[in-house]
């Protein structure tokens, strides 16, 4: 039996013991020892073509599976390329661990080749950062990183690894991989007596609304949320991150609330007398003008992150609790009265932009593609108009099936996240909704999808512009289209084929049906370009500085 191990050897064994089955990354000089130890391990490595893509893939894997995603990058520019994805995961509470190489300890501070202070640079973008200075600290640090990433409110954790620590020999290395760890995150939850007053407030209410955020999914509380809402017929709105926590085909679903929320969700929140905020951080894109949010309503906020309660919106009842536990306590009480139908008067359909005989419309595309997938299949989005069309028109029926960049709104998220989700759901198709602007941010990862033979299907909305910014310029900046209507010269179908994927183009509903037949009948990646008019806009839209009821419903 091998008795001498390197730091990299025990690092890989620790990752295996933490349940890691896949890693996403790009090798480089300061992580060669780690990659050498990865050779022949049980961990499947997916080589990406950019570290940002690898980190987004780790996030897509984590979002789809609920497990901790793992990304590996070398020092300097490789590690720096992960910062955007780290910030994205921090904003959306995504559990990932990022291992970055670092120059040897004796070279720190000497401006050595590819030296960068990732520990310092990442501090505001992660849940926690570690810098390992001794080989003895490798095991407890990595175990703590996984525990911190996944416990409490999830989030990204960085572990910076000097190359000399990876190379150092360790006697009886296998004995290092034991349960020696720093404390994981813990918090004191409110007791039953602090939770039950919610029911008293419901008894006094006439027009209650639930606003469910991403915490409902992260805590695994979707079933408890459904039971609580349906037993009392309380309408449910969600944030963007909350999509899928409550089935959007249910009669009680109001859809997404916020800047581009549905009329019914925004009106119900504005005219409610009691808003139950469940696992939602109440960001500005959800609340719009703070002083105009749910005026006249009592606010109950249940969350496991104390810092989020009352941070943006004053609350009447604060409950510090994991949602699964808190809703379980409420569901254990006798059912109360029903609030059936109070919000039904505000159920107008979303503004339609279908033009008979004209180009494909966003809702036609969304509905047609949606009908090809089961409730359990995953869709990812990039960021822009297509993202909001997805939020409005794509019916999410299960948690962890609608993956989108919320808090940071990062263009380039969709394709690498789809690759990560595909690794989490082997054999199942994963659809990526993208736009011509967003897709070009990380289009190089088409090569990754092709090489890995993944059934990723890209639906590309091509309006020849940076559509969301163009919409703002048209509506609020007197139509001064500065740098937003320079149509890409790229032939997206040819680009997909150059990477080895199936490239298709749909100009009509008939074309789209035929292209979808071919795409879903093809085992590998496919791209379907859907040219659409740049006149299509995202409505409803809350006007800048307005409240949730200050909505434009058409142009």
Protein backbone atom coordinates (compact mmCIF):
# COMPACT_ATOMS: atom_id res chain seq x y z
CA UNK A 1 0.00 0.00 0.00
CA UNK A 2 1.27 3.43 -0.93
CA UNK A 3 2.40 5.25 2.22
CA UNK A 4 3.71 8.49 0.71
CA UNK A 5 1.21 10.83 -0.88
CA UNK A 6 1.45 14.37 -2.18
CA UNK A 7 -0.84 17.16 -1.09
CA UNK A 8 -2.57 16.86 -4.48
CA UNK A 9 -3.16 13.12 -3.87
CA UNK A 10 -4.91 13.67 -0.58
CA UNK A 11 -6.81 16.60 -2.08
CA UNK A 12 -8.33 14.36 -4.76
CA UNK A 13 -9.12 11.65 -2.21
CA UNK A 14 -10.83 14.27 -0.07
CA UNK A 15 -12.91 15.45 -3.03
CA UNK A 16 -13.95 11.86 -3.69
CA UNK A 17 -14.91 11.41 -0.05
CA UNK A 18 -17.05 14.58 -0.27
CA UNK A 19 -19.13 12.91 -3.00
CA UNK A 20 -17.67 14.76 -5.97
CA UNK A 21 -18.34 12.89 -9.20
CA UNK A 22 -17.59 15.56 -11.81
CA UNK A 23 -15.29 18.58 -12.03
CA UNK A 24 -15.24 21.38 -14.59
CA UNK A 25 -12.02 23.20 -15.35
CA UNK A 26 -9.00 24.21 -17.40
CA UNK A 27 -5.51 22.97 -16.41
CA UNK A 28 -2.50 25.23 -16.06
CA UNK A 29 0.97 25.39 -14.53
CA UNK A 30 0.05 25.76 -10.86
CA UNK A 31 -2.56 22.97 -10.92
CA UNK A 32 -0.54 20.36 -12.82
CA UNK A 33 0.03 18.40 -9.58
CA UNK A 34 -3.71 18.41 -8.91
CA UNK A 35 -4.48 17.28 -12.47
CA UNK A 36 -1.83 14.58 -12.27
CA UNK A 37 -3.53 13.20 -9.15
CA UNK A 38 -6.91 13.55 -10.88
CA UNK A 39 -5.66 11.19 -13.59
CA UNK A 40 -7.29 7.81 -12.97
CA UNK A 41 -9.52 9.02 -10.12
CA UNK A 42 -13.25 8.36 -9.92
CA UNK A 43 -13.96 12.05 -10.64
CA UNK A 44 -14.93 12.76 -14.23
CA UNK A 45 -13.28 15.93 -15.49
CA UNK A 46 -14.89 18.12 -18.18
CA UNK A 47 -12.36 20.29 -20.00
CA UNK A 48 -13.75 23.75 -20.82
CA UNK A 49 -12.38 26.37 -23.19
CA UNK A 50 -12.67 29.26 -20.75
CA UNK A 51 -12.60 29.28 -16.96
CA UNK A 52 -15.72 31.42 -16.75
CA UNK A 53 -17.55 28.75 -18.72
CA UNK A 54 -16.21 26.05 -16.40
CA UNK A 55 -17.39 27.94 -13.34
CA UNK A 56 -20.84 28.55 -14.84
CA UNK A 57 -21.01 24.83 -15.65
CA UNK A 58 -20.28 24.00 -12.02
CA UNK A 59 -23.12 26.36 -11.10
CA UNK A 60 -25.47 24.76 -13.64
CA UNK A 61 -24.62 21.34 -12.22
CA UNK A 62 -25.33 22.59 -8.69
CA UNK A 63 -28.57 24.35 -9.62
CA UNK A 64 -29.92 21.30 -11.44
CA UNK A 65 -28.80 18.65 -8.94
CA UNK A 66 -28.76 20.39 -5.56
CA UNK A 67 -25.21 19.07 -5.04
CA UNK A 68 -22.05 21.13 -4.72
CA UNK A 69 -20.48 21.94 -8.09
CA UNK A 70 -16.69 21.89 -8.48
CA UNK A 71 -14.52 24.10 -10.71
CA UNK A 72 -10.72 24.04 -11.10
CA UNK A 73 -8.60 26.87 -12.50
CA UNK A 74 -4.93 27.71 -12.59
CA UNK A 75 -3.39 30.82 -11.03
CA UNK A 76 -3.43 34.37 -12.37
CA UNK A 77 -5.67 34.87 -15.44
CA UNK A 78 -7.22 31.43 -15.14
CA UNK A 79 -8.38 32.07 -11.60
CA UNK A 80 -9.36 35.66 -12.36
CA UNK A 81 -11.63 34.39 -15.13
CA UNK A 82 -13.81 32.70 -12.51
CA UNK A 83 -14.66 35.90 -10.61
CA UNK A 84 -17.74 36.81 -12.66
CA UNK A 85 -19.21 33.35 -12.17
CA UNK A 86 -18.34 33.44 -8.46
CA UNK A 87 -20.20 36.73 -8.07
CA UNK A 88 -23.12 35.28 -10.04
CA UNK A 89 -23.30 32.26 -7.73
CA UNK A 90 -23.07 34.43 -4.65
CA UNK A 91 -25.99 36.57 -5.80
CA UNK A 92 -28.13 33.51 -6.54
CA UNK A 93 -27.05 31.37 -3.55
CA UNK A 94 -25.50 28.58 -5.61
CA UNK A 95 -23.27 26.01 -3.83
CA UNK A 96 -20.00 25.67 -5.71
CA UNK A 97 -16.40 25.15 -4.65
CA UNK A 98 -13.70 26.68 -6.83
CA UNK A 99 -10.13 25.40 -6.49
CA UNK A 100 -7.57 27.86 -7.83
CA UNK A 101 -3.86 27.28 -8.22
CA UNK A 102 -1.42 29.77 -6.72
CA UNK A 103 2.31 30.40 -7.01
CA UNK A 104 4.56 28.77 -4.43
CA UNK A 105 4.62 30.34 -1.00
CA UNK A 106 8.19 31.60 -1.32
CA UNK A 107 7.21 33.53 -4.48
CA UNK A 108 4.15 35.29 -3.10
CA UNK A 109 4.48 39.03 -3.28
CA UNK A 110 7.32 38.91 -5.82
CA UNK A 111 5.17 39.55 -8.91
CA UNK A 112 5.89 36.00 -10.01
CA UNK A 113 4.55 34.73 -13.32
CA UNK A 114 0.74 34.42 -13.16
CA UNK A 115 0.56 35.59 -9.55
CA UNK A 116 -2.73 37.19 -8.51
CA UNK A 117 -4.30 37.63 -5.09
CA UNK A 118 -7.45 35.57 -5.60
CA UNK A 119 -8.07 35.30 -1.90
CA UNK A 120 -8.32 39.07 -1.57
CA UNK A 121 -9.99 39.69 -4.91
CA UNK A 122 -12.76 37.18 -4.23
CA UNK A 123 -13.76 38.18 -0.70
CA UNK A 124 -16.73 40.33 -1.69
CA UNK A 125 -17.92 37.79 -4.27
CA UNK A 126 -18.06 34.58 -2.26
CA UNK A 127 -19.54 33.13 0.87
CA UNK A 128 -16.03 32.34 2.10
CA UNK A 129 -12.46 32.19 0.81
CA UNK A 130 -9.61 29.99 2.04
CA UNK A 131 -5.90 30.15 1.31
CA UNK A 132 -4.14 26.90 2.20
CA UNK A 133 -0.64 27.53 3.52
CA UNK A 134 0.19 24.08 4.98
CA UNK A 135 -0.39 20.63 3.56
CA UNK A 136 -1.82 19.57 6.94
CA UNK A 137 -4.69 22.00 6.37
CA UNK A 138 -5.78 20.61 3.01
CA UNK A 139 -8.27 18.02 4.24
CA UNK A 140 -10.06 20.13 6.86
CA UNK A 141 -10.14 23.13 4.56
CA UNK A 142 -11.67 21.28 1.61
CA UNK A 143 -14.22 19.55 3.82
CA UNK A 144 -15.14 22.89 5.36
CA UNK A 145 -15.46 24.44 1.92
CA UNK A 146 -18.04 21.84 0.88
CA UNK A 147 -19.95 22.20 4.13
CA UNK A 148 -20.00 25.99 3.97
CA UNK A 149 -21.06 25.96 0.31
CA UNK A 150 -24.06 23.73 0.99
CA UNK A 151 -25.18 24.59 4.54
CA UNK A 152 -27.37 27.46 5.67
CA UNK A 153 -27.84 29.83 2.77
CA UNK A 154 -25.78 28.17 0.03
CA UNK A 155 -23.07 30.00 -1.84
CA UNK A 156 -19.68 29.80 -3.55
CA UNK A 157 -16.46 29.03 -1.65
CA UNK A 158 -12.96 29.61 -3.02
CA UNK A 159 -9.94 27.53 -2.00
CA UNK A 160 -6.60 28.97 -3.17
CA UNK A 161 -3.90 26.28 -3.43
CA UNK A 162 -0.19 27.17 -3.68
CA UNK A 163 1.57 24.75 -5.99
CA UNK A 164 4.19 23.83 -3.38
CA UNK A 165 1.44 22.67 -1.00
CA UNK A 166 0.11 20.42 -3.77
CA UNK A 167 3.57 18.96 -4.40
CA UNK A 168 4.59 18.36 -0.81
CA UNK A 169 4.92 14.73 0.26
CA UNK A 170 2.78 13.52 3.13
CA UNK A 171 3.63 10.42 5.14
CA UNK A 172 0.60 8.16 5.73
CA UNK A 173 -1.39 10.39 3.42
CA UNK A 174 -4.45 8.17 3.42
CA UNK A 175 -4.81 8.76 7.14
CA UNK A 176 -5.17 12.47 6.41
CA UNK A 177 -8.51 11.92 4.70
CA UNK A 178 -10.50 11.70 7.89
CA UNK A 179 -13.24 13.75 9.48
CA UNK A 180 -11.06 16.61 10.71
CA UNK A 181 -12.76 19.85 9.84
CA UNK A 182 -13.47 23.42 10.80
CA UNK A 183 -17.03 23.98 12.06
CA UNK A 184 -19.69 24.18 9.39
CA UNK A 185 -22.21 26.98 9.24
CA UNK A 186 -25.00 26.84 11.78
CA UNK A 187 -27.73 29.21 12.88
CA UNK A 188 -30.40 29.37 15.55
CA UNK A 189 -33.89 29.08 14.11
CA UNK A 190 -36.96 30.65 15.61
CA UNK A 191 -39.15 28.28 17.55
CA UNK A 192 -42.72 27.20 16.91
CA UNK A 193 -44.08 30.06 18.98
CA UNK A 194 -42.51 32.58 16.61
CA UNK A 195 -43.92 30.85 13.51
CA UNK A 196 -47.54 30.25 14.52
CA UNK A 197 -48.47 33.98 14.60
CA UNK A 198 -48.50 33.75 10.80
CA UNK A 199 -51.75 31.82 11.11
CA UNK A 200 -53.26 34.53 13.32
CA UNK A 201 -52.38 37.12 10.71
CA UNK A 202 -54.00 34.96 8.03
CA UNK A 203 -57.18 34.75 10.10
CA UNK A 204 -57.36 38.54 10.07
CA UNK A 205 -56.58 38.84 6.36
CA UNK A 206 -58.92 39.09 3.39
CA UNK A 207 -56.43 39.29 0.51
CA UNK A 208 -53.23 37.32 1.29
CA UNK A 209 -50.52 36.60 -1.28
CA UNK A 210 -47.45 34.38 -1.09
CA UNK A 211 -44.25 35.67 -2.70
CA UNK A 212 -41.89 32.71 -3.02
CA UNK A 213 -38.22 33.12 -3.89
CA UNK A 214 -35.28 30.87 -4.66
CA UNK A 215 -35.11 29.80 -1.03
CA UNK A 216 -38.19 27.65 -1.56
CA UNK A 217 -36.20 25.55 -4.03
CA UNK A 218 -32.90 25.65 -2.18
CA UNK A 219 -34.51 24.37 1.03
CA UNK A 220 -36.41 21.62 -0.80
CA UNK A 221 -39.68 23.14 0.38
CA UNK A 222 -41.69 23.00 -2.86
CA UNK A 223 -44.01 20.26 -1.60
CA UNK A 224 -44.59 22.10 1.69
CA UNK A 225 -45.26 25.33 -0.21
CA UNK A 226 -47.79 23.61 -2.45
CA UNK A 227 -49.57 22.05 0.51
CA UNK A 228 -49.68 25.32 2.44
CA UNK A 229 -50.96 27.42 -0.48
CA UNK A 230 -53.45 24.89 -1.84
CA UNK A 231 -54.96 24.01 1.55
CA UNK A 232 -55.94 27.66 2.03
CA UNK A 233 -56.24 28.70 -1.66
CA UNK A 234 -53.67 31.47 -1.28
CA UNK A 235 -52.40 32.81 -4.64
CA UNK A 236 -48.66 32.43 -5.22
CA UNK A 237 -46.32 34.82 -7.01
CA UNK A 238 -42.63 34.08 -7.42
CA UNK A 239 -39.42 35.93 -8.04
CA UNK A 240 -37.32 34.98 -11.06
CA UNK A 241 -35.28 32.65 -8.86
CA UNK A 242 -38.47 31.17 -7.43
CA UNK A 243 -39.74 29.90 -10.80
CA UNK A 244 -40.61 26.22 -10.48
CA UNK A 245 -41.01 26.27 -6.70
CA UNK A 246 -44.79 26.32 -7.31
CA UNK A 247 -46.26 24.77 -10.48
CA UNK A 248 -47.05 27.58 -12.92
CA UNK A 249 -49.92 25.71 -14.54
CA UNK A 250 -51.83 25.67 -11.22
CA UNK A 251 -54.88 27.89 -10.78
CA UNK A 252 -53.25 29.62 -7.80
CA UNK A 253 -50.09 30.57 -9.70
CA UNK A 254 -49.79 34.27 -10.43
CA UNK A 255 -46.49 33.89 -12.26
CA UNK A 256 -43.42 36.03 -11.76
CA UNK A 257 -43.60 39.37 -9.96
CA UNK A 258 -41.38 42.38 -10.52
CA UNK A 259 -40.09 44.68 -13.24
CA UNK A 260 -41.21 42.32 -15.99
CA UNK A 261 -43.69 40.40 -13.86
CA UNK A 262 -47.20 39.48 -14.86
CA UNK A 263 -50.01 41.97 -14.42
CA UNK A 264 -51.83 39.57 -12.13
CA UNK A 265 -48.81 39.05 -9.84
CA UNK A 266 -47.94 42.73 -9.57
CA UNK A 267 -51.55 43.81 -9.01
CA UNK A 268 -52.21 41.11 -6.46
CA UNK A 269 -49.13 42.13 -4.46
CA UNK A 270 -50.07 45.79 -4.69
CA UNK A 271 -53.68 45.22 -3.54
CA UNK A 272 -53.03 42.53 -0.94
CA UNK A 273 -53.50 43.13 2.77
CA UNK A 274 -50.96 40.43 3.75
CA UNK A 275 -47.82 39.38 1.85
CA UNK A 276 -46.06 36.21 2.99
CA UNK A 277 -42.49 36.51 1.71
CA UNK A 278 -40.89 33.06 1.70
CA UNK A 279 -37.19 32.71 0.94
CA UNK A 280 -36.96 35.82 -1.22
CA UNK A 281 -34.39 38.57 -0.73
CA UNK A 282 -36.76 41.22 -2.14
CA UNK A 283 -34.29 42.71 -4.61
CA UNK A 284 -35.12 45.80 -6.61
CA UNK A 285 -36.09 43.83 -9.74
CA UNK A 286 -38.78 42.08 -7.68
CA UNK A 287 -40.10 44.97 -5.56
CA UNK A 288 -39.66 47.91 -7.98
CA UNK A 289 -39.95 51.19 -6.00
CA UNK A 290 -39.58 50.25 -2.34
CA UNK A 291 -42.06 52.87 -1.13
CA UNK A 292 -44.64 51.47 -3.55
CA UNK A 293 -44.28 47.81 -2.65
CA UNK A 294 -47.42 46.26 -1.10
CA UNK A 295 -48.63 49.52 0.40
CA UNK A 296 -51.31 48.84 2.97
CA UNK A 297 -50.27 45.22 3.44
CA UNK A 298 -48.69 43.58 6.45
CA UNK A 299 -45.41 41.87 5.52
CA UNK A 300 -44.26 38.53 6.91
CA UNK A 301 -40.75 37.52 5.91
CA UNK A 302 -39.51 33.97 6.53
CA UNK A 303 -35.88 33.28 5.62
CA UNK A 304 -32.88 31.46 7.03
CA UNK A 305 -30.57 34.41 6.33
CA UNK A 306 -31.09 36.94 9.09
CA UNK A 307 -29.38 39.65 7.02
CA UNK A 308 -32.06 39.53 4.33
CA UNK A 309 -35.05 40.03 6.64
CA UNK A 310 -35.98 43.69 6.63
CA UNK A 311 -32.91 44.65 4.57
CA UNK A 312 -34.88 46.18 1.71
CA UNK A 313 -38.52 46.15 2.86
CA UNK A 314 -39.67 46.78 6.47
CA UNK A 315 -41.52 43.77 7.85
CA UNK A 316 -44.27 43.30 10.41
CA UNK A 317 -43.27 39.77 11.36
CA UNK A 318 -39.75 38.39 10.93
CA UNK A 319 -39.28 34.61 11.07
CA UNK A 320 -35.79 33.13 10.98
CA UNK A 321 -36.29 29.60 9.70
CA UNK A 322 -35.50 27.14 6.98
CA UNK A 323 -38.62 27.16 4.78
CA UNK A 324 -39.08 23.41 4.76
CA UNK A 325 -39.16 23.37 8.55
CA UNK A 326 -41.22 26.55 8.91
CA UNK A 327 -43.88 25.56 6.38
CA UNK A 328 -43.93 22.07 7.86
CA UNK A 329 -44.89 23.59 11.22
CA UNK A 330 -47.66 25.63 9.60
CA UNK A 331 -48.93 22.62 7.66
CA UNK A 332 -49.11 20.66 10.90
CA UNK A 333 -51.84 22.97 12.20
CA UNK A 334 -55.57 22.59 11.42
CA UNK A 335 -56.36 24.07 7.99
CA UNK A 336 -57.78 27.58 8.10
CA UNK A 337 -60.33 29.30 5.91
CA UNK A 338 -60.04 29.48 2.14
CA UNK A 339 -59.14 32.63 0.21
CA UNK A 340 -60.33 31.19 -3.08
CA UNK A 341 -60.77 33.65 -5.93
CA UNK A 342 -59.92 36.99 -4.39
CA UNK A 343 -57.21 37.67 -6.96
CA UNK A 344 -59.02 36.17 -9.95
CA UNK A 345 -60.20 39.57 -11.16
CA UNK A 346 -56.55 40.38 -11.93
CA UNK A 347 -55.89 37.40 -14.16
CA UNK A 348 -55.67 39.09 -17.58
CA UNK A 349 -53.52 37.28 -20.13
CA UNK A 350 -50.01 38.47 -20.82
CA UNK A 351 -49.86 40.89 -23.75
CA UNK A 352 -49.63 38.88 -26.96
CA UNK A 353 -47.37 39.88 -29.83
CA UNK A 354 -48.27 37.13 -32.29
CA UNK A 355 -48.43 38.51 -35.83
CA UNK A 356 -50.31 36.22 -38.24
CA UNK A 357 -48.20 35.67 -41.33
CA UNK A 358 -45.31 37.54 -39.75
CA UNK A 359 -42.07 36.38 -38.17
CA UNK A 360 -42.00 33.94 -35.31
CA UNK A 361 -42.97 35.56 -32.03
CA UNK A 362 -41.26 34.91 -28.68
CA UNK A 363 -44.33 33.30 -27.14
CA UNK A 364 -44.82 31.03 -30.16
CA UNK A 365 -41.25 29.83 -29.85
CA UNK A 366 -41.46 29.36 -26.07
CA UNK A 367 -44.75 27.46 -26.23
CA UNK A 368 -43.68 25.23 -29.09
CA UNK A 369 -40.37 24.27 -27.46
CA UNK A 370 -41.98 23.85 -24.03
CA UNK A 371 -44.38 21.27 -25.42
CA UNK A 372 -41.43 19.08 -26.43
CA UNK A 373 -40.14 18.73 -22.86
CA UNK A 374 -41.37 16.87 -19.81
CA UNK A 375 -41.91 18.71 -16.49
CA UNK A 376 -38.60 17.29 -15.20
CA UNK A 377 -36.46 18.50 -18.11
CA UNK A 378 -34.17 21.47 -17.53
CA UNK A 379 -34.04 24.78 -19.38
CA UNK A 380 -31.32 27.37 -18.92
CA UNK A 381 -31.36 30.96 -20.11
CA UNK A 382 -28.86 33.57 -21.01
CA UNK A 383 -29.66 37.19 -20.12
CA UNK A 384 -31.70 39.69 -22.09
CA UNK A 385 -35.16 39.89 -23.61
CA UNK A 386 -35.28 36.15 -24.24
CA UNK A 387 -34.66 35.58 -20.51
CA UNK A 388 -37.72 37.64 -19.56
CA UNK A 389 -39.81 36.05 -22.29
CA UNK A 390 -38.82 32.74 -20.76
CA UNK A 391 -39.78 33.98 -17.30
CA UNK A 392 -43.19 35.04 -18.62
CA UNK A 393 -44.08 32.35 -21.14
CA UNK A 394 -42.16 29.22 -20.08
CA UNK A 395 -44.29 27.28 -17.61
CA UNK A 396 -42.07 25.79 -14.94
CA UNK A 397 -43.73 22.90 -13.15
CA UNK A 398 -40.90 21.49 -11.04
CA UNK A 399 -38.09 22.98 -8.94
CA UNK A 400 -34.56 23.08 -10.37
CA UNK A 401 -35.79 23.03 -13.96
CA UNK A 402 -35.53 26.76 -14.85
CA UNK A 403 -31.94 27.92 -14.40
CA UNK A 404 -31.21 31.59 -14.93
CA UNK A 405 -28.78 34.26 -13.80
CA UNK A 406 -30.84 36.46 -11.50
CA UNK A 407 -28.90 38.71 -9.16
CA UNK A 408 -26.04 39.52 -11.54
CA UNK A 409 -27.86 39.02 -14.85
CA UNK A 410 -24.75 37.64 -16.55
CA UNK A 411 -24.71 37.33 -20.31
CA UNK A 412 -22.93 34.12 -21.33
CA UNK A 413 -24.43 32.07 -18.50
CA UNK A 414 -26.81 29.91 -20.51
CA UNK A 415 -24.67 27.54 -22.60
CA UNK A 416 -22.09 26.53 -19.97
CA UNK A 417 -24.85 26.22 -17.36
CA UNK A 418 -26.71 23.91 -19.76
CA UNK A 419 -23.59 21.76 -20.09
CA UNK A 420 -23.33 21.53 -16.30
CA UNK A 421 -27.02 20.69 -15.99
CA UNK A 422 -26.63 18.02 -18.67
CA UNK A 423 -23.85 16.41 -16.63
CA UNK A 424 -26.19 16.44 -13.63
CA UNK A 425 -29.04 14.89 -15.65
CA UNK A 426 -27.27 12.42 -17.94
CA UNK A 427 -29.20 11.40 -21.03
CA UNK A 428 -31.94 14.00 -20.63
CA UNK A 429 -32.24 16.88 -23.10
CA UNK A 430 -31.35 20.31 -21.73
CA UNK A 431 -32.60 23.38 -23.58
CA UNK A 432 -30.64 26.64 -23.55
CA UNK A 433 -32.60 29.77 -24.42
CA UNK A 434 -30.17 32.36 -25.73
CA UNK A 435 -29.92 35.55 -27.76
CA UNK A 436 -27.48 36.61 -30.45
CA UNK A 437 -25.71 38.92 -27.98
CA UNK A 438 -25.50 36.55 -25.03
CA UNK A 439 -24.57 33.49 -27.06
CA UNK A 440 -21.42 35.13 -28.41
CA UNK A 441 -20.19 35.73 -24.85
CA UNK A 442 -19.35 32.02 -24.36
CA UNK A 443 -19.97 30.43 -27.74
CA UNK A 444 -16.64 28.60 -27.50
CA UNK A 445 -18.28 26.11 -25.16
CA UNK A 446 -20.13 24.64 -28.13
CA UNK A 447 -16.90 22.71 -28.64
CA UNK A 448 -17.20 21.36 -25.08
CA UNK A 449 -20.79 20.22 -25.63
CA UNK A 450 -19.88 18.52 -28.90
CA UNK A 451 -16.78 16.80 -27.49
CA UNK A 452 -18.81 15.52 -24.53
CA UNK A 453 -21.65 14.41 -26.87
CA UNK A 454 -24.26 16.12 -24.69
CA UNK A 455 -27.93 16.48 -25.74
CA UNK A 456 -27.93 20.27 -25.30
CA UNK A 457 -30.40 22.08 -27.56
CA UNK A 458 -29.86 25.81 -28.08
CA UNK A 459 -32.80 27.98 -29.13
CA UNK A 460 -31.24 31.21 -30.38
CA UNK A 461 -33.48 34.29 -30.54
CA UNK A 462 -31.79 36.49 -33.16
CA UNK A 463 -33.13 40.03 -33.35
CA UNK A 464 -29.85 41.47 -34.59
CA UNK A 465 -29.44 43.71 -31.56
CA UNK A 466 -28.75 43.89 -27.86
CA UNK A 467 -32.49 43.75 -27.43
CA UNK A 468 -33.07 44.63 -23.79
CA UNK A 469 -30.82 47.69 -23.89
CA UNK A 470 -32.37 48.65 -27.23
CA UNK A 471 -35.84 48.42 -25.65
CA UNK A 472 -34.80 50.86 -22.92
CA UNK A 473 -33.25 53.19 -25.49
CA UNK A 474 -36.43 53.18 -27.56
CA UNK A 475 -38.84 53.69 -24.67
CA UNK A 476 -36.88 56.00 -22.38
CA UNK A 477 -33.95 57.45 -24.36
CA UNK A 478 -35.76 58.92 -27.39
CA UNK A 479 -34.82 56.06 -29.68
CA UNK A 480 -31.10 56.85 -29.62
CA UNK A 481 -29.80 53.36 -30.39
CA UNK A 482 -26.19 53.76 -29.30
CA UNK A 483 -24.14 50.56 -29.91
CA UNK A 484 -27.14 48.23 -29.65
CA UNK A 485 -28.28 47.60 -33.23
CA UNK A 486 -25.01 46.49 -34.78
CA UNK A 487 -26.25 43.14 -36.01
CA UNK A 488 -23.71 40.30 -35.61
CA UNK A 489 -22.11 39.31 -38.88
CA UNK A 490 -21.86 35.78 -37.53
CA UNK A 491 -23.68 32.96 -39.34
CA UNK A 492 -24.84 31.09 -36.26
CA UNK A 493 -25.90 27.99 -38.15
CA UNK A 494 -22.50 27.77 -39.83
CA UNK A 495 -20.77 28.41 -36.50
CA UNK A 496 -22.64 25.53 -34.86
CA UNK A 497 -21.72 23.23 -37.73
CA UNK A 498 -18.08 24.34 -37.57
CA UNK A 499 -17.98 23.19 -33.96
CA UNK A 500 -19.49 19.85 -35.00
CA UNK A 501 -23.01 20.52 -33.75
CA UNK A 502 -26.21 20.37 -35.75
CA UNK A 503 -27.07 23.89 -37.00
CA UNK A 504 -30.64 24.71 -38.06
CA UNK A 505 -32.69 27.82 -38.84
CA UNK A 506 -36.45 28.31 -38.35
CA UNK A 507 -38.23 31.12 -40.19
CA UNK A 508 -41.81 30.00 -39.52
CA UNK A 509 -43.85 27.85 -37.17
CA UNK A 510 -43.68 25.02 -39.70
CA UNK A 511 -39.91 25.38 -39.87
CA UNK A 512 -39.68 25.41 -36.08
CA UNK A 513 -41.63 22.16 -35.76
CA UNK A 514 -39.40 20.48 -38.35
CA UNK A 515 -36.22 21.83 -36.73
CA UNK A 516 -37.32 20.62 -33.30
CA UNK A 517 -37.99 17.17 -34.74
CA UNK A 518 -34.44 17.08 -36.05
CA UNK A 519 -32.88 18.61 -32.93
CA UNK A 520 -34.56 16.26 -30.45
CA UNK A 521 -33.94 13.31 -32.73
CA UNK A 522 -30.22 14.08 -32.78
CA UNK A 523 -28.14 12.67 -29.89
CA UNK A 524 -25.67 15.55 -29.65
CA UNK A 525 -25.86 19.33 -29.42
CA UNK A 526 -28.11 21.26 -31.79
CA UNK A 527 -28.62 24.96 -32.40
CA UNK A 528 -31.83 26.35 -33.86
CA UNK A 529 -31.56 29.98 -34.92
CA UNK A 530 -34.92 31.76 -34.77
CA UNK A 531 -34.76 35.20 -36.45
CA UNK A 532 -37.29 37.55 -34.83
CA UNK A 533 -38.16 41.19 -35.33
CA UNK A 534 -36.32 43.73 -33.21
CA UNK A 535 -39.74 45.36 -32.65
CA UNK A 536 -40.71 42.63 -30.19
CA UNK A 537 -40.45 43.94 -26.65
CA UNK A 538 -40.82 42.51 -23.16
CA UNK A 539 -44.14 43.52 -21.63
CA UNK A 540 -45.36 44.07 -18.97
CA UNK A 541 -42.62 46.46 -17.87
CA UNK A 542 -42.57 48.59 -14.74
CA UNK A 543 -41.50 52.11 -15.68
CA UNK A 544 -38.17 53.33 -14.24
CA UNK A 545 -38.72 54.61 -10.70
CA UNK A 546 -42.28 53.30 -10.64
CA UNK A 547 -44.12 50.90 -8.38
CA UNK A 548 -45.39 47.46 -9.30
CA UNK A 549 -48.66 48.86 -10.63
CA UNK A 550 -46.90 51.39 -12.86
CA UNK A 551 -46.72 48.97 -15.76
CA UNK A 552 -46.46 49.39 -19.48
CA UNK A 553 -48.44 46.54 -20.99
CA UNK A 554 -47.71 47.33 -24.63
CA UNK A 555 -45.49 49.65 -26.66
